[in-house]
N, C-alpha and C. Protein backbone atom coordinates (compact mmCIF):
# COMPACT_ATOMS: atom_id res chain seq x y z
N MET A 1 77.73 7.67 64.50
CA MET A 1 77.42 6.83 65.54
C MET A 1 76.69 5.55 64.91
N ASN A 2 77.07 4.43 65.30
CA ASN A 2 76.53 3.21 64.79
C ASN A 2 75.36 2.78 65.59
N LEU A 3 74.24 2.81 65.30
CA LEU A 3 73.01 2.40 66.10
C LEU A 3 72.95 0.88 66.06
N PRO A 4 72.42 0.37 67.09
CA PRO A 4 72.08 -1.17 67.25
C PRO A 4 71.29 -1.48 66.04
N VAL A 5 71.37 -2.79 65.75
CA VAL A 5 70.62 -3.36 64.61
C VAL A 5 69.03 -3.16 64.78
N LYS A 6 68.57 -3.42 66.03
CA LYS A 6 67.16 -3.24 66.19
C LYS A 6 66.71 -1.86 66.11
N GLN A 7 67.49 -0.84 66.44
CA GLN A 7 67.09 0.57 66.30
C GLN A 7 67.02 0.89 64.80
N ARG A 8 68.04 0.37 64.03
CA ARG A 8 68.03 0.73 62.54
C ARG A 8 66.90 0.00 61.84
N LEU A 9 66.66 -1.22 62.34
CA LEU A 9 65.54 -2.00 61.81
C LEU A 9 64.15 -1.23 62.01
N PHE A 10 64.02 -0.73 63.28
CA PHE A 10 62.85 -0.01 63.65
C PHE A 10 62.78 1.28 62.74
N SER A 11 63.85 1.92 62.55
CA SER A 11 63.86 3.17 61.66
C SER A 11 63.39 2.86 60.28
N GLU A 12 63.84 1.72 59.65
CA GLU A 12 63.49 1.30 58.26
C GLU A 12 61.96 0.91 58.39
N LEU A 13 61.50 0.30 59.27
CA LEU A 13 60.14 -0.14 59.36
C LEU A 13 59.28 1.12 59.43
N ALA A 14 59.66 2.13 60.29
CA ALA A 14 58.95 3.37 60.42
C ALA A 14 58.95 4.15 59.03
N GLU A 15 60.09 4.10 58.30
CA GLU A 15 60.17 4.80 57.00
C GLU A 15 59.30 4.14 56.01
N LEU A 16 59.21 2.73 56.11
CA LEU A 16 58.35 2.03 55.21
C LEU A 16 56.96 2.43 55.46
N ASP A 17 56.49 2.47 56.72
CA ASP A 17 55.21 2.82 57.08
C ASP A 17 54.79 4.19 56.60
N ALA A 18 55.66 5.06 56.81
CA ALA A 18 55.39 6.48 56.41
C ALA A 18 55.24 6.53 54.80
N LYS A 19 56.10 5.88 54.13
CA LYS A 19 56.08 5.94 52.70
C LYS A 19 54.87 5.33 52.15
N VAL A 20 54.39 4.18 52.72
CA VAL A 20 53.22 3.47 52.22
C VAL A 20 52.04 4.39 52.55
N LYS A 21 51.95 5.03 53.66
CA LYS A 21 50.81 5.93 53.97
C LYS A 21 50.76 7.09 53.05
N SER A 22 51.91 7.50 52.53
CA SER A 22 52.00 8.59 51.58
C SER A 22 51.53 8.39 50.18
N MET A 23 51.44 7.07 49.85
CA MET A 23 51.42 6.61 48.40
C MET A 23 50.05 7.18 47.79
N ALA A 24 48.98 7.33 48.55
CA ALA A 24 47.79 7.86 47.99
C ALA A 24 47.81 9.25 47.51
N SER A 25 48.83 10.02 48.05
CA SER A 25 48.78 11.44 47.69
C SER A 25 50.03 11.90 47.07
N VAL A 26 51.00 11.17 46.81
CA VAL A 26 52.17 11.55 46.16
C VAL A 26 52.38 10.94 44.68
N ASN A 27 53.06 11.71 43.96
CA ASN A 27 53.29 11.29 42.56
C ASN A 27 54.64 11.88 42.21
N PRO A 28 55.68 11.10 41.79
CA PRO A 28 55.71 9.71 41.60
C PRO A 28 55.60 8.90 42.83
N LYS A 29 55.18 7.69 42.77
CA LYS A 29 55.04 6.83 43.92
C LYS A 29 56.56 6.52 44.41
N PRO A 30 56.76 6.32 45.66
CA PRO A 30 58.01 6.02 46.30
C PRO A 30 58.46 4.61 45.86
N ASN A 31 59.64 4.44 45.61
CA ASN A 31 60.34 3.14 45.37
C ASN A 31 60.63 2.48 46.65
N LEU A 32 59.86 1.45 46.99
CA LEU A 32 59.92 0.78 48.32
C LEU A 32 60.96 -0.37 48.33
N MET A 33 61.47 -0.71 47.18
CA MET A 33 62.41 -1.85 47.19
C MET A 33 63.70 -1.65 47.93
N PRO A 34 64.29 -0.48 47.99
CA PRO A 34 65.44 -0.25 48.69
C PRO A 34 65.25 -0.46 50.23
N ILE A 35 64.12 -0.10 50.62
CA ILE A 35 63.67 -0.24 52.09
C ILE A 35 63.63 -1.74 52.38
N PHE A 36 62.96 -2.54 51.50
CA PHE A 36 62.76 -3.94 51.67
C PHE A 36 64.20 -4.56 51.63
N VAL A 37 65.11 -4.17 50.90
CA VAL A 37 66.44 -4.73 50.86
C VAL A 37 67.12 -4.35 52.18
N ARG A 38 67.01 -3.16 52.69
CA ARG A 38 67.71 -2.85 53.98
C ARG A 38 67.08 -3.61 55.08
N ILE A 39 65.81 -3.87 55.11
CA ILE A 39 65.04 -4.56 56.22
C ILE A 39 65.58 -5.96 56.20
N ASP A 40 65.67 -6.54 54.89
CA ASP A 40 66.17 -8.02 54.87
C ASP A 40 67.56 -8.06 55.33
N ASP A 41 68.36 -7.07 54.98
CA ASP A 41 69.82 -7.10 55.41
C ASP A 41 69.92 -6.96 56.90
N LEU A 42 69.17 -6.11 57.48
CA LEU A 42 69.28 -5.86 58.97
C LEU A 42 68.67 -7.15 59.68
N THR A 43 67.63 -7.73 59.09
CA THR A 43 67.11 -9.09 59.70
C THR A 43 68.21 -10.15 59.73
N GLY A 44 68.98 -10.10 58.73
CA GLY A 44 70.08 -11.04 58.75
C GLY A 44 71.20 -10.82 59.74
N GLN A 45 71.27 -9.54 60.19
CA GLN A 45 72.31 -9.13 61.18
C GLN A 45 71.82 -9.29 62.55
N LEU A 46 70.53 -9.59 62.85
CA LEU A 46 70.13 -9.80 64.27
C LEU A 46 70.83 -10.94 65.00
N PRO A 47 71.10 -10.83 66.14
CA PRO A 47 71.80 -11.84 66.97
C PRO A 47 70.94 -13.07 67.05
N PRO A 48 71.66 -14.25 67.29
CA PRO A 48 70.92 -15.56 67.35
C PRO A 48 69.94 -15.57 68.45
N ASN A 49 70.03 -14.79 69.59
CA ASN A 49 69.12 -14.92 70.61
C ASN A 49 67.89 -13.89 70.41
N THR A 50 67.73 -13.44 69.20
CA THR A 50 66.57 -12.53 68.89
C THR A 50 65.27 -13.31 69.21
N ASP A 51 64.26 -12.57 69.76
CA ASP A 51 63.00 -13.22 70.03
C ASP A 51 62.33 -13.85 68.78
N PRO A 52 62.11 -15.11 68.76
CA PRO A 52 61.45 -15.88 67.73
C PRO A 52 60.22 -15.03 67.15
N THR A 53 59.41 -14.49 67.97
CA THR A 53 58.26 -13.78 67.50
C THR A 53 58.65 -12.63 66.49
N LEU A 54 59.59 -11.96 66.79
CA LEU A 54 60.10 -10.78 65.93
C LEU A 54 60.70 -11.49 64.63
N LEU A 55 61.39 -12.47 64.82
CA LEU A 55 61.91 -13.11 63.58
C LEU A 55 60.83 -13.63 62.72
N HIS A 56 59.82 -14.22 63.27
CA HIS A 56 58.62 -14.68 62.49
C HIS A 56 58.05 -13.57 61.75
N TYR A 57 57.81 -12.48 62.35
CA TYR A 57 57.15 -11.40 61.65
C TYR A 57 58.07 -10.84 60.48
N LEU A 58 59.39 -10.88 60.76
CA LEU A 58 60.17 -10.31 59.70
C LEU A 58 60.30 -11.29 58.56
N HIS A 59 60.37 -12.65 58.86
CA HIS A 59 60.55 -13.61 57.81
C HIS A 59 59.28 -13.74 56.94
N LYS A 60 58.14 -13.53 57.60
CA LYS A 60 56.89 -13.54 56.97
C LYS A 60 56.44 -12.26 56.19
N LYS A 61 57.40 -11.25 56.42
CA LYS A 61 57.17 -9.91 55.84
C LYS A 61 56.01 -9.19 56.43
N SER A 62 55.74 -9.47 57.63
CA SER A 62 54.66 -8.84 58.45
C SER A 62 55.28 -7.62 59.08
N TYR A 63 55.63 -6.61 58.27
CA TYR A 63 56.38 -5.50 58.69
C TYR A 63 55.72 -4.56 59.70
N GLU A 64 54.34 -4.44 59.59
CA GLU A 64 53.64 -3.68 60.62
C GLU A 64 53.67 -4.46 61.95
N LYS A 65 53.50 -5.72 61.93
CA LYS A 65 53.55 -6.46 63.21
C LYS A 65 54.94 -6.30 63.75
N ALA A 66 55.92 -6.35 63.03
CA ALA A 66 57.45 -6.21 63.45
C ALA A 66 57.64 -4.87 64.08
N ARG A 67 57.10 -3.80 63.43
CA ARG A 67 57.21 -2.46 64.03
C ARG A 67 56.45 -2.38 65.29
N PHE A 68 55.26 -2.92 65.39
CA PHE A 68 54.49 -2.85 66.66
C PHE A 68 55.25 -3.58 67.74
N TYR A 69 55.77 -4.83 67.39
CA TYR A 69 56.55 -5.54 68.30
C TYR A 69 57.82 -4.65 68.87
N LEU A 70 58.48 -4.00 68.01
CA LEU A 70 59.53 -3.18 68.43
C LEU A 70 59.14 -2.00 69.26
N GLU A 71 57.93 -1.59 69.08
CA GLU A 71 57.37 -0.41 69.82
C GLU A 71 56.79 -0.88 71.18
N GLY A 72 56.93 -2.17 71.40
CA GLY A 72 56.26 -2.65 72.67
C GLY A 72 54.78 -2.79 72.60
N ARG A 73 54.24 -2.82 71.31
CA ARG A 73 52.73 -2.92 71.16
C ARG A 73 52.31 -4.14 70.49
N ASP A 74 53.14 -5.29 70.83
CA ASP A 74 52.76 -6.52 70.22
C ASP A 74 51.43 -7.09 70.54
N VAL A 75 50.86 -6.66 71.70
CA VAL A 75 49.49 -7.00 72.16
C VAL A 75 48.47 -6.46 71.11
N GLU A 76 48.80 -5.40 70.35
CA GLU A 76 47.82 -5.00 69.23
C GLU A 76 47.85 -5.82 68.09
N ASN A 77 48.84 -6.73 67.91
CA ASN A 77 48.95 -7.52 66.75
C ASN A 77 47.86 -8.63 66.72
N GLN A 78 47.12 -8.72 65.63
CA GLN A 78 46.06 -9.77 65.68
C GLN A 78 46.69 -11.06 65.09
N ALA A 79 46.34 -12.14 65.74
CA ALA A 79 46.82 -13.46 65.37
C ALA A 79 46.49 -13.71 63.90
N GLY A 80 47.46 -14.18 63.17
CA GLY A 80 47.27 -14.59 61.78
C GLY A 80 47.13 -16.05 61.69
N LYS A 81 47.19 -16.54 60.51
CA LYS A 81 46.99 -17.92 60.21
C LYS A 81 48.09 -18.78 60.73
N CYS A 82 49.35 -18.08 60.97
CA CYS A 82 50.52 -18.79 61.47
C CYS A 82 50.55 -18.99 62.93
N ARG A 83 49.82 -18.20 63.59
CA ARG A 83 49.82 -18.02 65.15
C ARG A 83 48.54 -18.41 65.72
N PRO A 84 48.39 -19.38 66.62
CA PRO A 84 47.14 -19.74 67.20
C PRO A 84 46.67 -18.52 68.19
N VAL A 85 45.37 -18.54 68.22
CA VAL A 85 44.77 -17.32 69.03
C VAL A 85 44.87 -17.69 70.50
C-alpha cells in the first residue's frame, strides 16, 4: 500500500525523533543520514498547495516543529527567529 506523502513524512520524522532520543543509551550510535535523505526526498514530493508553515519547518530542518505540525500540535511550537511572536 502506498501511503500519502504526508503520512510517510510523519513516519520518518517520528523515526528520527525515536533514534535521536535513543542516542544516549545505544552503541553504536544510529546513522541518521538515511532518514535526513528520505525526509528531504519526501519534502520535495509534497504538493504545491502544502501549507507554507510546514514547508518552512522542513526547509529550515526544524524537524520537531514539522512533526508537531503534522500531529496537530503546532500551537506547542515556540516562535523562532524566523517567525514573529
